[in-house]
Amino acid sequence: MVERIRLIDSGIAIEGAFELPQLARLSAEDQVFVAAFLRSHGSIKEMEQVFGVSYPTVKARLNRIAGGLEFIDLDPKPPRAEVIERLKRGEITADEAIEVLEGRK
């Protein structure tokens, strides 16, 4: 948890309770590993050479790191109340509302 952020060039400081981004919460070693993976454009073969480890070791480490990260749903379902309001306004049919609520549309 970060409590104060200061912009050095402008002297502006913001105080409060700020949660670090997920990648910043990784250990320094894992941050280096992720940065190397990105720099290698996801090449596990290159990661094997850079870190001097085997393919299964690279995969296991990537899986461990990924397992600790929360992923954002890029296509979340609309809130139930929003679907019901659209139904009430006649913007969608009852069948369409059911499809949306069930995640089929």
C-alpha atoms as a PDB file:
ATOM      1  CA  MET A   1       0.000   0.000   0.000  1.00  0.00           C
ATOM      2  CA  VAL A   2       1.346   3.422  -0.955  1.00  0.00           C
ATOM      3  CA  GLU A   3       0.379   6.414   1.168  1.00  0.00           C
ATOM      4  CA  ARG A   4       2.095   9.299  -0.593  1.00  0.00           C
ATOM      5  CA  ILE A   5       3.055  10.011  -4.186  1.00  0.00           C
ATOM      6  CA  ARG A   6       5.241  12.989  -5.088  1.00  0.00           C
ATOM      7  CA  LEU A   7       6.010  14.282  -8.574  1.00  0.00           C
ATOM      8  CA  ILE A   8       9.619  15.407  -8.317  1.00  0.00           C
ATOM      9  CA  ASP A   9       9.614  17.882 -11.215  1.00  0.00           C
ATOM     10  CA  SER A  10       6.531  19.789 -10.082  1.00  0.00           C
ATOM     11  CA  GLY A  11       6.745  19.307  -6.334  1.00  0.00           C
ATOM     12  CA  ILE A  12       3.127  18.135  -6.247  1.00  0.00           C
ATOM     13  CA  ALA A  13       2.330  15.493  -3.641  1.00  0.00           C
ATOM     14  CA  ILE A  14      -0.805  13.421  -3.279  1.00  0.00           C
ATOM     15  CA  GLU A  15      -1.581  11.611  -0.067  1.00  0.00           C
ATOM     16  CA  GLY A  16      -4.028   8.800   0.525  1.00  0.00           C
ATOM     17  CA  ALA A  17      -4.183   5.026   0.444  1.00  0.00           C
ATOM     18  CA  PHE A  18      -3.205   3.725  -2.971  1.00  0.00           C
ATOM     19  CA  GLU A  19      -2.928   0.076  -3.880  1.00  0.00           C
ATOM     20  CA  LEU A  20       0.018  -0.799  -6.092  1.00  0.00           C
ATOM     21  CA  PRO A  21      -0.700  -2.208  -9.568  1.00  0.00           C
ATOM     22  CA  GLN A  22      -0.490  -5.991  -9.758  1.00  0.00           C
ATOM     23  CA  LEU A  23       2.839  -6.097 -11.562  1.00  0.00           C
ATOM     24  CA  ALA A  24       4.405  -3.734  -9.021  1.00  0.00           C
ATOM     25  CA  ARG A  25       3.374  -6.160  -6.266  1.00  0.00           C
ATOM     26  CA  LEU A  26       5.481  -8.945  -7.786  1.00  0.00           C
ATOM     27  CA  SER A  27       8.875  -9.625  -6.267  1.00  0.00           C
ATOM     28  CA  ALA A  28      11.759  -7.776  -7.951  1.00  0.00           C
ATOM     29  CA  GLU A  29      12.949 -11.110  -9.359  1.00  0.00           C
ATOM     30  CA  ASP A  30       9.541 -11.846 -10.908  1.00  0.00           C
ATOM     31  CA  GLN A  31       9.332  -8.294 -12.297  1.00  0.00           C
ATOM     32  CA  VAL A  32      12.667  -8.836 -14.064  1.00  0.00           C
ATOM     33  CA  PHE A  33      11.393 -12.176 -15.392  1.00  0.00           C
ATOM     34  CA  VAL A  34       8.170 -10.632 -16.754  1.00  0.00           C
ATOM     35  CA  ALA A  35      10.099  -7.730 -18.333  1.00  0.00           C
ATOM     36  CA  ALA A  36      12.492 -10.194 -19.983  1.00  0.00           C
ATOM     37  CA  PHE A  37       9.547 -12.237 -21.265  1.00  0.00           C
ATOM     38  CA  LEU A  38       8.004  -9.127 -22.819  1.00  0.00           C
ATOM     39  CA  ARG A  39      11.333  -8.020 -24.312  1.00  0.00           C
ATOM     40  CA  SER A  40      11.722 -11.474 -25.859  1.00  0.00           C
ATOM     41  CA  HIS A  41       8.242 -11.086 -27.385  1.00  0.00           C
ATOM     42  CA  GLY A  42       7.085 -14.134 -25.481  1.00  0.00           C
ATOM     43  CA  SER A  43       9.811 -16.420 -26.811  1.00  0.00           C
ATOM     44  CA  ILE A  44      10.293 -19.219 -24.318  1.00  0.00           C
ATOM     45  CA  LYS A  45      13.322 -20.386 -26.288  1.00  0.00           C
ATOM     46  CA  GLU A  46      14.958 -16.980 -25.755  1.00  0.00           C
ATOM     47  CA  MET A  47      13.983 -17.065 -22.063  1.00  0.00           C
ATOM     48  CA  GLU A  48      15.727 -20.457 -21.762  1.00  0.00           C
ATOM     49  CA  GLN A  49      18.922 -18.889 -23.108  1.00  0.00           C
ATOM     50  CA  VAL A  50      18.735 -15.671 -21.060  1.00  0.00           C
ATOM     51  CA  PHE A  51      18.081 -17.401 -17.740  1.00  0.00           C
ATOM     52  CA  GLY A  52      19.932 -20.652 -18.464  1.00  0.00           C
ATOM     53  CA  VAL A  53      16.947 -22.827 -17.554  1.00  0.00           C
ATOM     54  CA  SER A  54      14.833 -25.455 -19.300  1.00  0.00           C
ATOM     55  CA  TYR A  55      11.543 -24.984 -21.144  1.00  0.00           C
ATOM     56  CA  PRO A  56       9.522 -26.609 -18.315  1.00  0.00           C
ATOM     57  CA  THR A  57      11.185 -24.282 -15.786  1.00  0.00           C
ATOM     58  CA  VAL A  58      10.243 -21.180 -17.810  1.00  0.00           C
ATOM     59  CA  LYS A  59       6.664 -22.450 -18.244  1.00  0.00           C
ATOM     60  CA  ALA A  60       6.335 -23.312 -14.558  1.00  0.00           C
ATOM     61  CA  ARG A  61       7.527 -19.865 -13.521  1.00  0.00           C
ATOM     62  CA  LEU A  62       5.197 -18.113 -15.970  1.00  0.00           C
ATOM     63  CA  ASN A  63       2.303 -20.234 -14.700  1.00  0.00           C
ATOM     64  CA  ARG A  64       3.158 -19.407 -11.082  1.00  0.00           C
ATOM     65  CA  ILE A  65       3.329 -15.667 -11.821  1.00  0.00           C
ATOM     66  CA  ALA A  66       0.136 -15.711 -13.900  1.00  0.00           C
ATOM     67  CA  GLY A  67      -1.648 -17.665 -11.175  1.00  0.00           C
ATOM     68  CA  GLY A  68      -1.056 -14.790  -8.779  1.00  0.00           C
ATOM     69  CA  LEU A  69      -2.473 -12.136 -11.107  1.00  0.00           C
ATOM     70  CA  GLU A  70      -6.109 -11.199 -11.409  1.00  0.00           C
ATOM     71  CA  PHE A  71      -7.317 -10.890 -14.969  1.00  0.00           C
ATOM     72  CA  ILE A  72      -9.773  -8.265 -16.114  1.00  0.00           C
ATOM     73  CA  ASP A  73     -12.886  -9.488 -17.933  1.00  0.00           C
ATOM     74  CA  LEU A  74     -12.724  -7.694 -21.276  1.00  0.00           C
ATOM     75  CA  ASP A  75     -16.350  -8.486 -22.056  1.00  0.00           C
ATOM     76  CA  PRO A  76     -18.242  -8.227 -18.768  1.00  0.00           C
ATOM     77  CA  LYS A  77     -21.966  -8.849 -18.630  1.00  0.00           C
ATOM     78  CA  PRO A  78     -24.028  -5.713 -18.031  1.00  0.00           C
ATOM     79  CA  PRO A  79     -25.489  -5.364 -14.550  1.00  0.00           C
ATOM     80  CA  ARG A  80     -28.815  -7.145 -14.100  1.00  0.00           C
ATOM     81  CA  ALA A  81     -30.561  -3.850 -13.222  1.00  0.00           C
ATOM     82  CA  GLU A  82     -29.366  -2.295 -16.496  1.00  0.00           C
ATOM     83  CA  VAL A  83     -30.809  -5.182 -18.531  1.00  0.00           C
ATOM     84  CA  ILE A  84     -34.144  -4.924 -16.698  1.00  0.00           C
ATOM     85  CA  GLU A  85     -34.279  -1.156 -17.324  1.00  0.00           C
ATOM     86  CA  ARG A  86     -33.630  -1.695 -21.045  1.00  0.00           C
ATOM     87  CA  LEU A  87     -36.413  -4.278 -21.051  1.00  0.00           C
ATOM     88  CA  LYS A  88     -38.807  -1.852 -19.308  1.00  0.00           C
ATOM     89  CA  ARG A  89     -37.993   0.882 -21.853  1.00  0.00           C
ATOM     90  CA  GLY A  90     -38.754  -1.536 -24.679  1.00  0.00           C
ATOM     91  CA  GLU A  91     -35.210  -1.405 -26.042  1.00  0.00           C
ATOM     92  CA  ILE A  92     -34.919  -5.195 -25.938  1.00  0.00           C
ATOM     93  CA  THR A  93     -37.348  -8.092 -25.900  1.00  0.00           C
ATOM     94  CA  ALA A  94     -37.779 -10.517 -23.005  1.00  0.00           C
ATOM     95  CA  ASP A  95     -35.929 -13.196 -25.013  1.00  0.00           C
ATOM     96  CA  GLU A  96     -33.028 -10.791 -25.660  1.00  0.00           C
ATOM     97  CA  ALA A  97     -32.905  -9.884 -21.945  1.00  0.00           C
ATOM     98  CA  ILE A  98     -32.683 -13.574 -21.039  1.00  0.00           C
ATOM     99  CA  GLU A  99     -29.876 -14.093 -23.564  1.00  0.00           C
ATOM    100  CA  VAL A 100     -27.925 -11.127 -22.181  1.00  0.00           C
ATOM    101  CA  LEU A 101     -28.409 -12.251 -18.568  1.00  0.00           C
ATOM    102  CA  GLU A 102     -27.305 -15.775 -19.420  1.00  0.00           C
ATOM    103  CA  GLY A 103     -24.253 -14.457 -21.254  1.00  0.00           C
ATOM    104  CA  ARG A 104     -25.301 -15.739 -24.657  1.00  0.00           C
ATOM    105  CA  LYS A 105     -25.421 -12.327 -26.293  1.00  0.00           C
END
